[in-house]
Amino acid sequence: MSLLPERKKTAEEIARLREQMGLPSAAASAPAFSPPAAPPEDAAPEPPAAAEEPPPAQPVRIKKMNSLKHSERQPVLMVPKQVADSPLPARRRSERELDELRRREALSALGAGPPPAIVHLQARTAHRGLLAVGYLLVLASAAGTWREFFQIPPREGLWLAFGGIGVSWLFAALVAWRKPLSRHHAGFIAAVAGLVLVFALLYYFPNLNPAHAS
């Protein structure tokens, strides 16, 4: 059998059932409704609460600048290793300091002498004075060949021409052997001495000239 009522009870039936069960009625239990009192017309509206002022901004930049200035006043005690080992100077040098460094480097270079590579090249190159002697020997042989132009006697001219040619060839051979980097000078001296020899033979020995032999 279903406990649900067949129809919905009315408010009177519900009140009668509450009285039979000894329960207070809904009208008695419900608080009396009173409309809110209207505000008086003369009362002025309350001003809205003042908005809270935001806290002042902290002077971050001023603190930062002060901290930078404070750090600048402190002496630098530790130097990083990569900065200390760097070949670059810590500051830009003046012109006076650069001139002083150049002067010291020049004096140290003069005291240390030339490097070994330059010494080796100098040892393999003939001195200019020595080469000048070889060219003077060639010119002396040429002067002995054309003795009439320089007013040299025949006997002295003969010895000067052929003697100068022989000594020039010996000098060129020594330079080519002892000074490999001056072999071009030795070759030039030997070639000029060979040309002077040809003219000396034709001048002092006319029989060797085919024109005179005929």
Protein backbone atom coordinates (compact mmCIF):
# COMPACT_ATOMS: atom_id res chain seq x y z
CA MET A 1 0.00 0.00 0.00
CA SER A 2 1.44 3.38 -1.00
CA LEU A 3 2.03 5.93 1.76
CA LEU A 4 1.70 8.85 -0.62
CA PRO A 5 -1.64 10.74 -0.48
CA GLU A 6 -3.92 10.47 -3.44
CA ARG A 7 -4.20 14.28 -3.76
CA LYS A 8 -2.39 17.37 -2.55
CA LYS A 9 -3.71 18.65 0.78
CA THR A 10 -4.86 22.19 1.12
CA ALA A 11 -3.49 24.72 3.59
CA GLU A 12 -6.47 24.27 5.91
CA GLU A 13 -6.06 20.53 6.04
CA ILE A 14 -2.37 20.94 6.75
CA ALA A 15 -3.15 23.38 9.60
CA ARG A 16 -5.74 20.93 11.05
CA LEU A 17 -3.25 18.09 10.95
CA ARG A 18 -0.63 20.20 12.74
CA GLU A 19 -3.19 21.02 15.47
CA GLN A 20 -4.04 17.34 15.91
CA MET A 21 -0.34 16.48 16.19
CA GLY A 22 0.29 19.27 18.71
CA LEU A 23 2.57 21.32 16.44
CA PRO A 24 2.36 25.08 16.22
CA SER A 25 0.77 26.47 13.15
CA ALA A 26 2.88 27.88 10.33
CA ALA A 27 1.36 31.36 10.80
CA ALA A 28 2.41 31.47 14.45
CA SER A 29 5.91 30.13 13.77
CA ALA A 30 6.58 32.44 10.82
CA PRO A 31 8.01 35.85 11.83
CA ALA A 32 5.95 38.84 11.03
CA PHE A 33 7.14 40.62 7.88
CA SER A 34 7.71 44.32 8.27
CA PRO A 35 8.68 46.49 5.32
CA PRO A 36 12.01 48.36 5.66
CA ALA A 37 11.69 51.86 6.93
CA ALA A 38 12.25 54.49 4.31
CA PRO A 39 15.16 56.81 5.03
CA PRO A 40 14.21 60.34 5.96
CA GLU A 41 14.27 62.86 3.17
CA ASP A 42 16.34 65.40 5.12
CA ALA A 43 19.16 62.96 5.81
CA ALA A 44 22.09 63.60 3.51
CA PRO A 45 23.68 60.59 1.81
CA GLU A 46 26.81 59.39 3.51
CA PRO A 47 29.95 60.17 1.54
CA PRO A 48 31.69 57.15 0.12
CA ALA A 49 34.65 55.86 2.04
CA ALA A 50 37.89 57.48 0.91
CA ALA A 51 39.99 55.19 -1.21
CA GLU A 52 43.12 54.03 0.46
CA GLU A 53 46.14 55.84 -0.81
CA PRO A 54 48.69 53.56 -2.46
CA PRO A 55 52.00 53.26 -0.61
CA PRO A 56 54.74 55.52 -1.97
CA ALA A 57 57.03 53.91 -4.51
CA GLN A 58 60.38 52.92 -3.13
CA PRO A 59 63.37 54.83 -4.63
CA VAL A 60 64.87 51.80 -6.29
CA ARG A 61 66.91 53.79 -8.81
CA ILE A 62 68.36 56.03 -6.11
CA LYS A 63 69.40 53.01 -4.10
CA LYS A 64 70.95 51.44 -7.16
CA MET A 65 72.91 54.57 -7.99
CA ASN A 66 74.02 54.88 -4.38
CA SER A 67 75.15 51.26 -4.39
CA LEU A 68 77.07 51.82 -7.63
CA LYS A 69 78.77 54.87 -6.22
CA HIS A 70 79.59 52.96 -3.05
CA SER A 71 81.11 50.12 -5.08
CA GLU A 72 83.13 52.58 -7.12
CA ARG A 73 84.60 54.05 -3.96
CA GLN A 74 85.72 50.64 -2.76
CA PRO A 75 89.20 49.55 -3.97
CA VAL A 76 89.36 46.56 -6.28
CA LEU A 77 91.19 43.85 -4.36
CA MET A 78 90.73 40.83 -6.60
CA VAL A 79 91.55 40.80 -10.30
CA PRO A 80 90.12 37.97 -12.45
CA LYS A 81 92.72 35.62 -13.82
CA GLN A 82 91.64 36.05 -17.44
CA VAL A 83 92.02 39.85 -17.13
CA ALA A 84 95.41 39.59 -15.42
CA ASP A 85 96.76 37.17 -18.05
CA SER A 86 95.43 39.21 -20.97
CA PRO A 87 98.12 40.90 -23.12
CA LEU A 88 95.88 43.94 -23.57
CA PRO A 89 96.58 46.85 -21.22
CA ALA A 90 94.07 47.69 -18.51
CA ARG A 91 93.80 51.29 -19.74
CA ARG A 92 94.63 53.26 -22.84
CA ARG A 93 98.22 54.47 -22.86
CA SER A 94 99.16 58.02 -23.72
CA GLU A 95 101.48 59.05 -26.54
CA ARG A 96 104.31 59.69 -24.09
CA GLU A 97 104.04 56.19 -22.65
CA LEU A 98 103.95 54.65 -26.13
CA ASP A 99 107.11 56.54 -27.13
CA GLU A 100 108.83 55.33 -23.98
CA LEU A 101 107.86 51.72 -24.72
CA ARG A 102 109.15 52.02 -28.30
CA ARG A 103 112.44 53.44 -27.05
CA ARG A 104 112.88 50.59 -24.57
CA GLU A 105 112.11 47.97 -27.22
CA ALA A 106 114.64 49.55 -29.59
CA LEU A 107 117.34 49.57 -26.92
CA SER A 108 116.62 45.96 -25.98
CA ALA A 109 116.76 44.93 -29.64
CA LEU A 110 120.15 46.65 -30.05
CA GLY A 111 121.49 44.96 -26.93
CA ALA A 112 120.21 41.52 -27.92
CA GLY A 113 121.61 41.71 -31.46
CA PRO A 114 119.99 40.50 -34.66
CA PRO A 115 117.94 37.31 -34.59
CA PRO A 116 119.55 34.02 -35.61
CA ALA A 117 117.73 33.92 -38.96
CA ILE A 118 119.21 37.25 -40.03
CA VAL A 119 122.67 36.19 -38.85
CA HIS A 120 122.41 33.04 -40.97
CA LEU A 121 121.42 35.05 -44.06
CA GLN A 122 124.23 37.52 -43.53
CA ALA A 123 126.73 34.68 -43.30
CA ARG A 124 125.60 33.34 -46.69
CA THR A 125 125.64 36.76 -48.41
CA ALA A 126 128.79 38.56 -49.64
CA HIS A 127 129.49 42.01 -48.27
CA ARG A 128 128.97 44.95 -50.59
CA GLY A 129 132.58 46.04 -50.19
CA LEU A 130 133.79 42.60 -51.27
CA LEU A 131 131.55 42.68 -54.32
CA ALA A 132 132.85 46.15 -55.18
CA VAL A 133 136.40 44.72 -55.28
CA GLY A 134 135.29 42.12 -57.84
CA TYR A 135 133.70 44.73 -60.11
CA LEU A 136 136.83 46.91 -59.84
CA LEU A 137 138.95 43.97 -61.04
CA VAL A 138 136.73 43.66 -64.12
CA LEU A 139 137.04 47.40 -64.81
CA ALA A 140 140.84 47.21 -64.43
CA SER A 141 141.05 44.40 -66.99
CA ALA A 142 138.88 46.43 -69.37
CA ALA A 143 141.16 49.46 -68.88
CA GLY A 144 144.20 47.28 -69.72
CA THR A 145 142.47 46.07 -72.86
CA TRP A 146 141.76 49.60 -74.12
CA ARG A 147 145.15 50.92 -72.91
CA GLU A 148 145.43 53.62 -75.59
CA PHE A 149 142.31 55.36 -74.24
CA PHE A 150 143.76 55.41 -70.72
CA GLN A 151 147.37 56.01 -71.93
CA ILE A 152 148.78 52.83 -70.40
CA PRO A 153 152.08 51.36 -71.73
CA PRO A 154 151.78 48.10 -73.72
CA ARG A 155 153.53 45.88 -71.20
CA GLU A 156 151.53 47.16 -68.19
CA GLY A 157 148.36 47.04 -70.23
CA LEU A 158 148.94 43.40 -71.12
CA TRP A 159 149.51 42.39 -67.50
CA LEU A 160 146.57 44.50 -66.33
CA ALA A 161 144.16 43.04 -68.89
CA PHE A 162 144.92 39.34 -68.51
CA GLY A 163 145.85 39.53 -64.84
CA GLY A 164 142.61 41.33 -63.99
CA ILE A 165 140.58 38.75 -65.93
CA GLY A 166 142.25 35.83 -64.12
CA VAL A 167 141.79 37.38 -60.70
CA SER A 168 138.16 38.26 -61.52
CA TRP A 169 137.38 34.63 -62.38
CA LEU A 170 139.06 33.42 -59.20
CA PHE A 171 137.11 35.97 -57.17
CA ALA A 172 133.82 34.91 -58.80
CA ALA A 173 134.54 31.25 -58.02
CA LEU A 174 135.25 32.00 -54.35
CA VAL A 175 132.08 34.09 -53.99
CA ALA A 176 129.96 31.38 -55.61
CA TRP A 177 131.42 28.76 -53.28
CA ARG A 178 131.44 30.62 -49.95
CA LYS A 179 128.46 32.93 -50.40
CA PRO A 180 125.60 31.05 -52.09
CA LEU A 181 123.18 33.97 -51.84
CA SER A 182 125.56 36.17 -53.90
CA ARG A 183 126.09 33.78 -56.80
CA HIS A 184 124.29 36.11 -59.18
CA HIS A 185 127.01 38.71 -58.59
CA ALA A 186 129.69 36.07 -59.14
CA GLY A 187 128.08 35.01 -62.43
CA PHE A 188 127.85 38.58 -63.69
CA ILE A 189 131.53 39.26 -62.85
CA ALA A 190 132.63 36.07 -64.61
CA ALA A 191 130.55 36.88 -67.73
CA VAL A 192 131.91 40.43 -68.04
CA ALA A 193 135.46 39.14 -67.53
CA GLY A 194 134.90 36.62 -70.37
CA LEU A 195 133.82 39.40 -72.77
CA VAL A 196 136.85 41.50 -71.81
CA LEU A 197 139.07 38.46 -72.47
CA VAL A 198 137.76 38.14 -76.01
CA PHE A 199 138.52 41.79 -76.79
CA ALA A 200 141.94 41.54 -75.10
CA LEU A 201 142.94 38.53 -77.22
CA LEU A 202 141.88 40.28 -80.42
CA TYR A 203 143.75 43.43 -79.44
CA TYR A 204 147.03 41.96 -78.21
CA PHE A 205 147.14 39.04 -80.63
CA PRO A 206 146.01 40.32 -84.03
CA ASN A 207 146.85 36.98 -85.67
CA LEU A 208 143.80 35.51 -84.01
CA ASN A 209 141.59 37.95 -85.94
CA PRO A 210 140.46 36.35 -89.23
CA ALA A 211 140.40 39.78 -90.92
CA HIS A 212 144.11 40.39 -90.17
CA ALA A 213 145.08 36.80 -91.04
CA SER A 214 143.75 37.19 -94.57
